[in-house]
Amino acid sequence: MARPPRFDTDQILDAAVRLAASAGPTGVTMSAVAQAIGAPSGSIYHRFPGRAALLAEVWLRSVERFQEGYFVALGSAPDPHGAARAAARHVVSWSRAHPGEASLLLYGAAEFGRADWSEEHRERADLGNHRVYESLHLLAEVLGAATPQDHERVTLALIDLPLSVVRRHLRAGQPLPPHAEDLAEQCASALLTVTPGESAPRSSIA
């Protein structure tokens, strides 16, 4: 009877996440992952044919885990404004609960070698991105979005601004402050209270 593998795929990817969080994508190499878990390099090559496949899987596992919760948040409230606030909060709360993966996702897929990924990996990434932006488009329509600027405002409120709350602290190696979720929600609410088709009021400086 064959012995069960000593190191499973999740253990390998967990180690890759830790390396990426501490040293960036360049720190994720086959030998570095093997050393991190005390495995022979052959164990890593047995699971992943090369570094490009390893980088693709660590990126996709992280982003798909985030997206899974994001879709739940978007469907968590009966009214669109409540769903929007929940989605903005999710970006921060998920990052708080998974700081290593959140730090990894502050990089882009390109920095994780997307150009060298297999077609299957690129299709997985594109499908996930399409689902997110399609969901945001549908929510924007329900919110009364009438112009490209309105749709851009929803994306800014539910992705870009919450990520900016997260990015500054994680890049500095600091824990997220207790008020981070509230701040993301408040920013989203402020942007989404602008009447669709109209610009936000300009503040005057005396």
N, C-alpha and C. Protein backbone atom coordinates (compact mmCIF):
# COMPACT_ATOMS: atom_id res chain seq x y z
N MET A 1 0.85 -1.19 0.00
CA MET A 1 0.00 0.00 0.00
C MET A 1 0.89 1.24 0.00
N ALA A 2 0.58 2.18 -0.88
CA ALA A 2 1.38 3.41 -0.96
C ALA A 2 1.16 4.28 0.27
N ARG A 3 2.22 4.90 0.73
CA ARG A 3 2.10 5.79 1.88
C ARG A 3 1.40 7.08 1.46
N PRO A 4 0.53 7.63 2.33
CA PRO A 4 -0.09 8.92 1.99
C PRO A 4 0.98 10.00 1.92
N PRO A 5 0.79 11.00 1.07
CA PRO A 5 1.79 12.06 0.96
C PRO A 5 1.95 12.80 2.28
N ARG A 6 3.19 13.12 2.60
CA ARG A 6 3.46 13.80 3.87
C ARG A 6 3.01 15.26 3.83
N PHE A 7 3.08 15.87 2.65
CA PHE A 7 2.72 17.28 2.51
C PHE A 7 1.62 17.40 1.47
N ASP A 8 0.46 17.93 1.88
CA ASP A 8 -0.62 18.06 0.91
C ASP A 8 -0.54 19.42 0.22
N THR A 9 -1.41 19.60 -0.76
CA THR A 9 -1.37 20.82 -1.59
C THR A 9 -1.61 22.06 -0.75
N ASP A 10 -2.56 21.99 0.17
CA ASP A 10 -2.85 23.18 0.98
C ASP A 10 -1.67 23.57 1.86
N GLN A 11 -0.94 22.61 2.39
CA GLN A 11 0.25 22.93 3.18
C GLN A 11 1.28 23.67 2.32
N ILE A 12 1.44 23.20 1.10
CA ILE A 12 2.39 23.85 0.20
C ILE A 12 1.95 25.26 -0.13
N LEU A 13 0.66 25.44 -0.43
CA LEU A 13 0.16 26.77 -0.78
C LEU A 13 0.15 27.70 0.42
N ASP A 14 -0.11 27.15 1.61
CA ASP A 14 -0.05 27.98 2.82
C ASP A 14 1.36 28.54 3.01
N ALA A 15 2.35 27.70 2.77
CA ALA A 15 3.74 28.16 2.89
C ALA A 15 4.04 29.21 1.84
N ALA A 16 3.51 29.03 0.63
CA ALA A 16 3.72 30.02 -0.44
C ALA A 16 3.07 31.35 -0.07
N VAL A 17 1.91 31.30 0.56
CA VAL A 17 1.25 32.54 1.01
C VAL A 17 2.12 33.28 2.00
N ARG A 18 2.68 32.55 2.95
CA ARG A 18 3.54 33.19 3.96
C ARG A 18 4.76 33.83 3.31
N LEU A 19 5.34 33.14 2.36
CA LEU A 19 6.51 33.70 1.66
C LEU A 19 6.13 34.94 0.86
N ALA A 20 4.99 34.89 0.18
CA ALA A 20 4.55 36.05 -0.61
C ALA A 20 4.24 37.23 0.28
N ALA A 21 3.65 36.97 1.44
CA ALA A 21 3.29 38.05 2.36
C ALA A 21 4.54 38.73 2.91
N SER A 22 5.60 37.97 3.11
CA SER A 22 6.81 38.53 3.72
C SER A 22 7.80 39.06 2.71
N ALA A 23 7.86 38.45 1.53
CA ALA A 23 8.90 38.81 0.56
C ALA A 23 8.37 39.16 -0.82
N GLY A 24 7.06 39.13 -1.00
CA GLY A 24 6.49 39.42 -2.30
C GLY A 24 6.55 38.21 -3.22
N PRO A 25 6.01 38.33 -4.42
CA PRO A 25 5.99 37.20 -5.36
C PRO A 25 7.36 36.62 -5.66
N THR A 26 8.38 37.46 -5.68
CA THR A 26 9.71 36.95 -6.00
C THR A 26 10.22 35.98 -4.94
N GLY A 27 9.66 36.05 -3.74
CA GLY A 27 10.09 35.16 -2.67
C GLY A 27 9.50 33.77 -2.78
N VAL A 28 8.54 33.58 -3.69
CA VAL A 28 7.89 32.28 -3.84
C VAL A 28 8.61 31.49 -4.93
N THR A 29 9.51 30.64 -4.51
CA THR A 29 10.20 29.74 -5.42
C THR A 29 9.97 28.32 -4.96
N MET A 30 10.21 27.37 -5.83
CA MET A 30 10.01 25.97 -5.48
C MET A 30 10.89 25.59 -4.30
N SER A 31 12.16 26.01 -4.34
CA SER A 31 13.08 25.65 -3.27
C SER A 31 12.73 26.34 -1.96
N ALA A 32 12.28 27.61 -2.03
CA ALA A 32 11.92 28.33 -0.81
C ALA A 32 10.71 27.69 -0.14
N VAL A 33 9.73 27.28 -0.92
CA VAL A 33 8.55 26.62 -0.36
C VAL A 33 8.94 25.28 0.26
N ALA A 34 9.77 24.53 -0.45
CA ALA A 34 10.22 23.24 0.08
C ALA A 34 10.94 23.42 1.42
N GLN A 35 11.81 24.42 1.47
CA GLN A 35 12.55 24.66 2.70
C GLN A 35 11.62 25.09 3.83
N ALA A 36 10.59 25.89 3.49
CA ALA A 36 9.67 26.41 4.50
C ALA A 36 8.89 25.31 5.20
N ILE A 37 8.59 24.23 4.48
CA ILE A 37 7.81 23.16 5.09
C ILE A 37 8.66 21.92 5.40
N GLY A 38 9.96 22.03 5.14
CA GLY A 38 10.85 20.91 5.44
C GLY A 38 10.65 19.73 4.52
N ALA A 39 10.36 20.03 3.25
CA ALA A 39 10.11 18.96 2.29
C ALA A 39 11.22 18.95 1.24
N PRO A 40 11.47 17.83 0.63
CA PRO A 40 12.40 17.81 -0.50
C PRO A 40 11.77 18.54 -1.69
N SER A 41 12.60 19.16 -2.50
CA SER A 41 12.09 19.91 -3.65
C SER A 41 11.24 19.03 -4.56
N GLY A 42 11.56 17.74 -4.61
CA GLY A 42 10.78 16.84 -5.44
C GLY A 42 9.32 16.77 -5.05
N SER A 43 9.03 16.99 -3.76
CA SER A 43 7.65 16.97 -3.31
C SER A 43 6.86 18.12 -3.92
N ILE A 44 7.52 19.26 -4.10
CA ILE A 44 6.85 20.41 -4.68
C ILE A 44 6.63 20.18 -6.18
N TYR A 45 7.65 19.67 -6.84
CA TYR A 45 7.52 19.40 -8.28
C TYR A 45 6.52 18.28 -8.56
N HIS A 46 6.29 17.42 -7.57
CA HIS A 46 5.30 16.36 -7.74
C HIS A 46 3.89 16.96 -7.82
N ARG A 47 3.65 18.08 -7.12
CA ARG A 47 2.33 18.73 -7.11
C ARG A 47 2.20 19.80 -8.19
N PHE A 48 3.31 20.48 -8.49
CA PHE A 48 3.28 21.59 -9.44
C PHE A 48 4.40 21.39 -10.46
N PRO A 49 4.09 21.43 -11.74
CA PRO A 49 5.12 21.16 -12.74
C PRO A 49 6.22 22.20 -12.82
N GLY A 50 5.96 23.38 -12.27
CA GLY A 50 6.96 24.44 -12.30
C GLY A 50 6.50 25.63 -11.48
N ARG A 51 7.35 26.64 -11.40
CA ARG A 51 7.06 27.81 -10.58
C ARG A 51 5.83 28.56 -11.07
N ALA A 52 5.63 28.62 -12.39
CA ALA A 52 4.47 29.33 -12.92
C ALA A 52 3.17 28.72 -12.41
N ALA A 53 3.11 27.40 -12.36
CA ALA A 53 1.91 26.73 -11.86
C ALA A 53 1.71 26.98 -10.37
N LEU A 54 2.81 26.98 -9.62
CA LEU A 54 2.74 27.27 -8.19
C LEU A 54 2.22 28.68 -7.94
N LEU A 55 2.78 29.66 -8.66
CA LEU A 55 2.33 31.04 -8.50
C LEU A 55 0.87 31.19 -8.89
N ALA A 56 0.46 30.54 -9.95
CA ALA A 56 -0.93 30.62 -10.38
C ALA A 56 -1.86 30.07 -9.31
N GLU A 57 -1.52 28.92 -8.76
CA GLU A 57 -2.40 28.30 -7.78
C GLU A 57 -2.47 29.10 -6.48
N VAL A 58 -1.36 29.64 -6.03
CA VAL A 58 -1.40 30.40 -4.78
C VAL A 58 -2.20 31.68 -4.98
N TRP A 59 -2.07 32.31 -6.14
CA TRP A 59 -2.87 33.51 -6.43
C TRP A 59 -4.35 33.16 -6.52
N LEU A 60 -4.67 32.14 -7.32
CA LEU A 60 -6.07 31.82 -7.57
C LEU A 60 -6.77 31.30 -6.31
N ARG A 61 -6.08 30.50 -5.52
CA ARG A 61 -6.73 30.03 -4.30
C ARG A 61 -7.09 31.20 -3.39
N SER A 62 -6.18 32.16 -3.28
CA SER A 62 -6.43 33.32 -2.42
C SER A 62 -7.57 34.17 -2.95
N VAL A 63 -7.54 34.50 -4.24
CA VAL A 63 -8.55 35.39 -4.79
C VAL A 63 -9.92 34.70 -4.83
N GLU A 64 -9.96 33.41 -5.07
CA GLU A 64 -11.24 32.70 -5.09
C GLU A 64 -11.84 32.59 -3.70
N ARG A 65 -11.01 32.45 -2.70
CA ARG A 65 -11.52 32.45 -1.33
C ARG A 65 -12.12 33.81 -0.98
N PHE A 66 -11.43 34.87 -1.39
CA PHE A 66 -11.98 36.20 -1.15
C PHE A 66 -13.29 36.40 -1.90
N GLN A 67 -13.33 36.01 -3.16
CA GLN A 67 -14.51 36.22 -3.98
C GLN A 67 -15.72 35.45 -3.46
N GLU A 68 -15.48 34.27 -2.92
CA GLU A 68 -16.58 33.47 -2.39
C GLU A 68 -17.34 34.26 -1.31
N GLY A 69 -16.60 34.85 -0.38
CA GLY A 69 -17.24 35.64 0.66
C GLY A 69 -17.83 36.93 0.14
N TYR A 70 -17.20 37.49 -0.89
CA TYR A 70 -17.69 38.75 -1.47
C TYR A 70 -19.05 38.55 -2.10
N PHE A 71 -19.25 37.44 -2.81
CA PHE A 71 -20.55 37.16 -3.41
C PHE A 71 -21.62 36.95 -2.33
N VAL A 72 -21.23 36.30 -1.24
CA VAL A 72 -22.17 36.12 -0.13
C VAL A 72 -22.58 37.48 0.43
N ALA A 73 -21.61 38.38 0.60
CA ALA A 73 -21.90 39.71 1.14
C ALA A 73 -22.84 40.48 0.20
N LEU A 74 -22.60 40.38 -1.10
CA LEU A 74 -23.45 41.09 -2.06
C LEU A 74 -24.90 40.60 -2.01
N GLY A 75 -25.10 39.37 -1.60
CA GLY A 75 -26.46 38.84 -1.52
C GLY A 75 -27.01 38.76 -0.11
N SER A 76 -26.35 39.45 0.82
CA SER A 76 -26.70 39.28 2.23
C SER A 76 -27.80 40.20 2.73
N ALA A 77 -28.22 41.17 1.94
CA ALA A 77 -29.24 42.12 2.40
C ALA A 77 -30.31 42.27 1.32
N PRO A 78 -31.57 42.48 1.73
CA PRO A 78 -32.64 42.59 0.74
C PRO A 78 -32.62 43.89 -0.04
N ASP A 79 -32.01 44.95 0.52
CA ASP A 79 -31.96 46.22 -0.20
C ASP A 79 -30.55 46.43 -0.75
N PRO A 80 -30.44 47.08 -1.91
CA PRO A 80 -29.12 47.21 -2.56
C PRO A 80 -28.12 48.02 -1.76
N HIS A 81 -28.57 49.03 -1.02
CA HIS A 81 -27.64 49.82 -0.22
C HIS A 81 -27.06 48.97 0.92
N GLY A 82 -27.89 48.13 1.50
CA GLY A 82 -27.39 47.23 2.55
C GLY A 82 -26.40 46.24 2.00
N ALA A 83 -26.68 45.71 0.80
CA ALA A 83 -25.74 44.78 0.17
C ALA A 83 -24.42 45.47 -0.15
N ALA A 84 -24.49 46.71 -0.60
CA ALA A 84 -23.28 47.46 -0.91
C ALA A 84 -22.44 47.69 0.34
N ARG A 85 -23.09 48.06 1.42
CA ARG A 85 -22.34 48.28 2.67
C ARG A 85 -21.70 46.98 3.16
N ALA A 86 -22.42 45.88 3.02
CA ALA A 86 -21.87 44.59 3.45
C ALA A 86 -20.67 44.20 2.60
N ALA A 87 -20.74 44.48 1.31
CA ALA A 87 -19.61 44.14 0.42
C ALA A 87 -18.38 44.97 0.78
N ALA A 88 -18.59 46.26 1.05
CA ALA A 88 -17.45 47.11 1.43
C ALA A 88 -16.82 46.62 2.73
N ARG A 89 -17.65 46.24 3.68
CA ARG A 89 -17.14 45.73 4.95
C ARG A 89 -16.39 44.41 4.75
N HIS A 90 -16.89 43.59 3.84
CA HIS A 90 -16.26 42.27 3.63
C HIS A 90 -14.81 42.42 3.19
N VAL A 91 -14.53 43.38 2.32
CA VAL A 91 -13.15 43.57 1.86
C VAL A 91 -12.22 43.73 3.05
N VAL A 92 -12.66 44.49 4.04
CA VAL A 92 -11.82 44.75 5.21
C VAL A 92 -11.84 43.58 6.19
N SER A 93 -13.02 43.05 6.46
CA SER A 93 -13.11 41.98 7.46
C SER A 93 -12.39 40.72 6.99
N TRP A 94 -12.49 40.40 5.69
CA TRP A 94 -11.76 39.25 5.18
C TRP A 94 -10.26 39.48 5.28
N SER A 95 -9.83 40.69 4.98
CA SER A 95 -8.40 41.01 5.06
C SER A 95 -7.91 40.93 6.50
N ARG A 96 -8.75 41.32 7.44
CA ARG A 96 -8.38 41.23 8.86
C ARG A 96 -8.23 39.76 9.26
N ALA A 97 -9.13 38.91 8.80
CA ALA A 97 -9.11 37.50 9.17
C ALA A 97 -8.02 36.72 8.43
N HIS A 98 -7.61 37.21 7.27
CA HIS A 98 -6.62 36.50 6.44
C HIS A 98 -5.52 37.47 5.99
N PRO A 99 -4.74 38.00 6.92
CA PRO A 99 -3.77 39.04 6.55
C PRO A 99 -2.72 38.58 5.56
N GLY A 100 -2.32 37.30 5.62
CA GLY A 100 -1.32 36.81 4.68
C GLY A 100 -1.85 36.82 3.26
N GLU A 101 -3.02 36.26 3.06
CA GLU A 101 -3.61 36.23 1.73
C GLU A 101 -3.98 37.64 1.26
N ALA A 102 -4.42 38.48 2.19
CA ALA A 102 -4.73 39.86 1.81
C ALA A 102 -3.48 40.59 1.34
N SER A 103 -2.36 40.37 2.02
CA SER A 103 -1.10 40.99 1.59
C SER A 103 -0.70 40.50 0.20
N LEU A 104 -0.94 39.23 -0.06
CA LEU A 104 -0.64 38.65 -1.36
C LEU A 104 -1.48 39.33 -2.44
N LEU A 105 -2.76 39.55 -2.16
CA LEU A 105 -3.67 40.10 -3.17
C LEU A 105 -3.46 41.59 -3.40
N LEU A 106 -2.63 42.25 -2.59
CA LEU A 106 -2.29 43.64 -2.87
C LEU A 106 -1.41 43.74 -4.12
N TYR A 107 -0.79 42.61 -4.49
CA TYR A 107 -0.09 42.55 -5.77
C TYR A 107 -1.11 42.20 -6.85
N GLY A 108 -0.73 42.32 -8.07
CA GLY A 108 -1.60 41.93 -9.16
C GLY A 108 -1.25 40.55 -9.69
N ALA A 109 -2.17 39.98 -10.47
CA ALA A 109 -1.90 38.68 -11.07
C ALA A 109 -0.66 38.73 -11.96
N ALA A 110 -0.42 39.87 -12.60
CA ALA A 110 0.76 40.00 -13.46
C ALA A 110 2.04 39.80 -12.67
N GLU A 111 2.04 40.29 -11.42
CA GLU A 111 3.23 40.15 -10.58
C GLU A 111 3.41 38.70 -10.11
N PHE A 112 2.35 37.91 -10.23
CA PHE A 112 2.45 36.48 -9.94
C PHE A 112 2.62 35.66 -11.22
N GLY A 113 3.14 36.33 -12.26
CA GLY A 113 3.53 35.63 -13.47
C GLY A 113 2.41 35.19 -14.37
N ARG A 114 1.29 35.95 -14.40
CA ARG A 114 0.14 35.54 -15.21
C ARG A 114 0.54 35.26 -16.67
N ALA A 115 1.48 35.99 -17.20
CA ALA A 115 1.88 35.80 -18.60
C ALA A 115 2.37 34.38 -18.87
N ASP A 116 2.86 33.71 -17.84
CA ASP A 116 3.38 32.35 -18.01
C ASP A 116 2.41 31.28 -17.51
N TRP A 117 1.22 31.67 -17.06
CA TRP A 117 0.24 30.70 -16.58
C TRP A 117 -0.28 29.85 -17.73
N SER A 118 -0.81 28.71 -17.39
CA SER A 118 -1.48 27.88 -18.39
C SER A 118 -2.79 28.54 -18.80
N GLU A 119 -3.32 28.12 -19.91
CA GLU A 119 -4.61 28.65 -20.38
C GLU A 119 -5.71 28.39 -19.35
N GLU A 120 -5.67 27.23 -18.72
CA GLU A 120 -6.68 26.90 -17.70
C GLU A 120 -6.62 27.87 -16.53
N HIS A 121 -5.42 28.21 -16.08
CA HIS A 121 -5.29 29.14 -14.97
C HIS A 121 -5.77 30.53 -15.36
N ARG A 122 -5.42 30.96 -16.56
CA ARG A 122 -5.87 32.29 -17.00
C ARG A 122 -7.39 32.34 -17.13
N GLU A 123 -7.98 31.26 -17.60
CA GLU A 123 -9.44 31.22 -17.71
C GLU A 123 -10.11 31.28 -16.34
N ARG A 124 -9.54 30.59 -15.36
CA ARG A 124 -10.08 30.66 -13.99
C ARG A 124 -10.05 32.08 -13.47
N ALA A 125 -8.94 32.76 -13.69
CA ALA A 125 -8.81 34.14 -13.23
C ALA A 125 -9.81 35.04 -13.93
N ASP A 126 -9.94 34.88 -15.23
CA ASP A 126 -10.86 35.73 -15.99
C ASP A 126 -12.31 35.48 -15.58
N LEU A 127 -12.65 34.24 -15.32
CA LEU A 127 -14.01 33.91 -14.91
C LEU A 127 -14.34 34.56 -13.58
N GLY A 128 -13.42 34.48 -12.63
CA GLY A 128 -13.66 35.10 -11.33
C GLY A 128 -13.83 36.60 -11.45
N ASN A 129 -12.96 37.24 -12.22
CA ASN A 129 -13.07 38.69 -12.41
C ASN A 129 -14.38 39.06 -13.08
N HIS A 130 -14.78 38.27 -14.07
CA HIS A 130 -16.03 38.55 -14.77
C HIS A 130 -17.21 38.46 -13.82
N ARG A 131 -17.20 37.45 -12.96
CA ARG A 131 -18.32 37.29 -12.00
C ARG A 131 -18.40 38.48 -11.06
N VAL A 132 -17.26 38.96 -10.60
CA VAL A 132 -17.26 40.10 -9.69
C VAL A 132 -17.82 41.34 -10.37
N TYR A 133 -17.29 41.65 -11.54
CA TYR A 133 -17.72 42.88 -12.20
C TYR A 133 -19.14 42.78 -12.74
N GLU A 134 -19.58 41.59 -13.11
CA GLU A 134 -20.98 41.41 -13.51
C GLU A 134 -21.89 41.64 -12.31
N SER A 135 -21.50 41.12 -11.15
CA SER A 135 -22.29 41.34 -9.94
C SER A 135 -22.36 42.82 -9.58
N LEU A 136 -21.24 43.52 -9.69
CA LEU A 136 -21.23 44.95 -9.41
C LEU A 136 -22.07 45.71 -10.43
N HIS A 137 -22.02 45.29 -11.68
CA HIS A 137 -22.83 45.94 -12.71
C HIS A 137 -24.31 45.79 -12.40
N LEU A 138 -24.72 44.59 -12.01
CA LEU A 138 -26.13 44.36 -11.70
C LEU A 138 -26.56 45.17 -10.48
N LEU A 139 -25.69 45.23 -9.46
CA LEU A 139 -26.01 46.02 -8.28
C LEU A 139 -26.12 47.50 -8.64
N ALA A 140 -25.22 47.98 -9.48
CA ALA A 140 -25.25 49.37 -9.90
C ALA A 140 -26.57 49.69 -10.61
N GLU A 141 -27.04 48.76 -11.45
CA GLU A 141 -28.30 48.96 -12.14
C GLU A 141 -29.45 49.08 -11.15
N VAL A 142 -29.46 48.22 -10.14
CA VAL A 142 -30.52 48.27 -9.12
C VAL A 142 -30.44 49.58 -8.33
N LEU A 143 -29.24 50.08 -8.13
CA LEU A 143 -29.05 51.35 -7.43
C LEU A 143 -29.42 52.55 -8.30
N GLY A 144 -29.74 52.31 -9.57
CA GLY A 144 -30.16 53.40 -10.45
C GLY A 144 -29.05 53.99 -11.28
N ALA A 145 -27.94 53.27 -11.43
CA ALA A 145 -26.84 53.79 -12.24
C ALA A 145 -27.30 54.04 -13.66
N ALA A 146 -27.00 55.25 -14.16
CA ALA A 146 -27.47 55.63 -15.49
C ALA A 146 -26.33 55.98 -16.44
N THR A 147 -25.15 56.17 -15.93
CA THR A 147 -24.03 56.60 -16.75
C THR A 147 -22.79 55.78 -16.40
N PRO A 148 -21.78 55.80 -17.26
CA PRO A 148 -20.52 55.13 -16.92
C PRO A 148 -19.93 55.66 -15.61
N GLN A 149 -20.12 56.95 -15.34
CA GLN A 149 -19.62 57.51 -14.09
C GLN A 149 -20.31 56.87 -12.88
N ASP A 150 -21.60 56.60 -13.00
CA ASP A 150 -22.32 55.95 -11.91
C ASP A 150 -21.76 54.56 -11.65
N HIS A 151 -21.51 53.81 -12.71
CA HIS A 151 -20.96 52.46 -12.55
C HIS A 151 -19.55 52.52 -11.95
N GLU A 152 -18.78 53.50 -12.38
CA GLU A 152 -17.43 53.67 -11.83
C GLU A 152 -17.49 54.00 -10.35
N ARG A 153 -18.50 54.76 -9.96
CA ARG A 153 -18.65 55.12 -8.55
C ARG A 153 -18.91 53.89 -7.69
N VAL A 154 -19.72 52.96 -8.21
CA VAL A 154 -20.00 51.74 -7.46
C VAL A 154 -18.73 50.90 -7.29
N THR A 155 -17.96 50.77 -8.34
CA THR A 155 -16.69 50.03 -8.25
C THR A 155 -15.74 50.70 -7.26
N LEU A 156 -15.68 52.02 -7.31
CA LEU A 156 -14.83 52.75 -6.37
C LEU A 156 -15.28 52.52 -4.94
N ALA A 157 -16.60 52.54 -4.73
CA ALA A 157 -17.14 52.40 -3.38
C ALA A 157 -16.96 51.00 -2.81
N LEU A 158 -17.07 49.98 -3.66
CA LEU A 158 -17.12 48.61 -3.16
C LEU A 158 -15.84 47.82 -3.33
N ILE A 159 -14.89 48.36 -4.09
CA ILE A 159 -13.61 47.67 -4.25
C ILE A 159 -12.43 48.59 -3.94
N ASP A 160 -12.32 49.68 -4.68
CA ASP A 160 -11.11 50.50 -4.61
C ASP A 160 -10.92 51.15 -3.24
N LEU A 161 -11.96 51.78 -2.72
CA LEU A 161 -11.80 52.46 -1.43
C LEU A 161 -11.60 51.48 -0.27
N PRO A 162 -12.38 50.39 -0.18
CA PRO A 162 -12.09 49.44 0.90
C PRO A 162 -10.67 48.87 0.82
N LEU A 163 -10.20 48.62 -0.40
CA LEU A 163 -8.83 48.13 -0.54
C LEU A 163 -7.81 49.16 -0.09
N SER A 164 -8.10 50.44 -0.32
CA SER A 164 -7.17 51.47 0.11
C SER A 164 -7.09 51.53 1.63
N VAL A 165 -8.20 51.26 2.31
CA VAL A 165 -8.19 51.20 3.77
C VAL A 165 -7.27 50.09 4.25
N VAL A 166 -7.32 48.96 3.54
CA VAL A 166 -6.51 47.79 3.90
C VAL A 166 -5.05 47.99 3.54
N ARG A 167 -4.80 48.51 2.33
CA ARG A 167 -3.45 48.52 1.75
C ARG A 167 -2.44 49.26 2.64
N ARG A 168 -2.82 50.44 3.09
CA ARG A 168 -1.86 51.27 3.82
C ARG A 168 -1.34 50.56 5.06
N HIS A 169 -2.22 49.88 5.77
CA HIS A 169 -1.81 49.22 7.01
C HIS A 169 -1.03 47.94 6.74
N LEU A 170 -1.51 47.14 5.79
CA LEU A 170 -0.81 45.89 5.51
C LEU A 170 0.57 46.13 4.93
N ARG A 171 0.68 47.12 4.05
CA ARG A 171 1.99 47.42 3.47
C ARG A 171 2.97 47.90 4.53
N ALA A 172 2.44 48.52 5.59
CA ALA A 172 3.30 49.00 6.66
C ALA A 172 3.54 47.92 7.72
N GLY A 173 2.95 46.73 7.53
CA GLY A 173 3.10 45.66 8.50
C GLY A 173 2.33 45.90 9.78
N GLN A 174 1.26 46.69 9.69
CA GLN A 174 0.47 47.04 10.85
C GLN A 174 -0.87 46.30 10.83
N PRO A 175 -1.42 45.97 11.99
CA PRO A 175 -2.76 45.38 12.02
C PRO A 175 -3.80 46.42 11.62
N LEU A 176 -4.89 45.96 11.06
CA LEU A 176 -5.96 46.89 10.72
C LEU A 176 -6.58 47.44 11.99
N PRO A 177 -6.86 48.74 12.04
CA PRO A 177 -7.46 49.33 13.24
C PRO A 177 -8.90 48.84 13.43
N PRO A 178 -9.41 48.90 14.65
CA PRO A 178 -10.77 48.40 14.92
C PRO A 178 -11.86 49.09 14.10
N HIS A 179 -11.61 50.34 13.70
CA HIS A 179 -12.65 51.09 12.99
C HIS A 179 -12.59 50.91 11.48
N ALA A 180 -11.74 50.04 10.98
CA ALA A 180 -11.51 49.96 9.53
C ALA A 180 -12.78 49.56 8.77
N GLU A 181 -13.51 48.57 9.29
CA GLU A 181 -14.74 48.16 8.61
C GLU A 181 -15.75 49.30 8.57
N ASP A 182 -15.89 50.01 9.70
CA ASP A 182 -16.84 51.13 9.73
C ASP A 182 -16.44 52.21 8.74
N LEU A 183 -15.15 52.47 8.64
CA LEU A 183 -14.67 53.50 7.72
C LEU A 183 -14.97 53.12 6.27
N ALA A 184 -14.74 51.86 5.92
CA ALA A 184 -15.04 51.40 4.56
C ALA A 184 -16.53 51.52 4.26
N GLU A 185 -17.35 51.14 5.22
CA GLU A 185 -18.80 51.23 5.04
C GLU A 185 -19.25 52.68 4.89
N GLN A 186 -18.70 53.56 5.71
CA GLN A 186 -19.09 54.97 5.64
C GLN A 186 -18.69 55.60 4.30
N CYS A 187 -17.50 55.25 3.82
CA CYS A 187 -17.06 55.76 2.52
C CYS A 187 -17.98 55.27 1.41
N ALA A 188 -18.33 54.00 1.46
CA ALA A 188 -19.22 53.44 0.44
C ALA A 188 -20.57 54.13 0.48
N SER A 189 -21.11 54.32 1.68
CA SER A 189 -22.42 54.97 1.80
C SER A 189 -22.38 56.39 1.27
N ALA A 190 -21.31 57.11 1.57
CA ALA A 190 -21.20 58.50 1.12
C ALA A 190 -21.18 58.57 -0.40
N LEU A 191 -20.45 57.68 -1.04
CA LEU A 191 -20.38 57.69 -2.50
C LEU A 191 -21.70 57.29 -3.13
N LEU A 192 -22.40 56.35 -2.52
CA LEU A 192 -23.60 55.82 -3.13
C LEU A 192 -24.84 56.65 -2.84
N THR A 193 -24.71 57.68 -2.00
CA THR A 193 -25.86 58.57 -1.78
C THR A 193 -25.92 59.67 -2.83
N VAL A 194 -24.90 59.77 -3.69
CA VAL A 194 -24.94 60.73 -4.79
C VAL A 194 -26.03 60.30 -5.76
N THR A 195 -26.85 61.24 -6.20
CA THR A 195 -27.93 60.93 -7.13
C THR A 195 -27.35 60.41 -8.43
N PRO A 196 -27.82 59.25 -8.93
CA PRO A 196 -27.30 58.72 -10.19
C PRO A 196 -27.42 59.75 -11.31
N GLY A 197 -26.36 59.85 -12.10
CA GLY A 197 -26.36 60.78 -13.22
C GLY A 197 -25.88 62.16 -12.86
N GLU A 198 -25.65 62.40 -11.56
CA GLU A 198 -25.17 63.70 -11.12
C GLU A 198 -23.80 63.56 -10.49
N SER A 199 -23.05 64.63 -10.49
CA SER A 199 -21.74 64.63 -9.87
C SER A 199 -21.87 64.91 -8.39
N ALA A 200 -20.89 64.46 -7.63
CA ALA A 200 -20.87 64.76 -6.21
C ALA A 200 -20.69 66.25 -6.02
N PRO A 201 -21.32 66.82 -4.98
CA PRO A 201 -21.18 68.26 -4.75
C PRO A 201 -19.73 68.65 -4.47
N ARG A 202 -19.32 69.77 -5.05
CA ARG A 202 -17.96 70.24 -4.80
C ARG A 202 -17.91 71.02 -3.50
N SER A 203 -16.84 70.81 -2.76
CA SER A 203 -16.66 71.58 -1.53
C SER A 203 -15.97 72.89 -1.90
N SER A 204 -16.40 73.98 -1.27
CA SER A 204 -15.81 75.27 -1.56
C SER A 204 -14.73 75.58 -0.54
N ILE A 205 -13.67 76.24 -0.99
CA ILE A 205 -12.59 76.66 -0.10
C ILE A 205 -12.56 78.17 -0.09
N ALA A 206 -12.78 78.74 1.06
CA ALA A 206 -12.83 80.21 1.16
C ALA A 206 -11.45 80.79 0.96
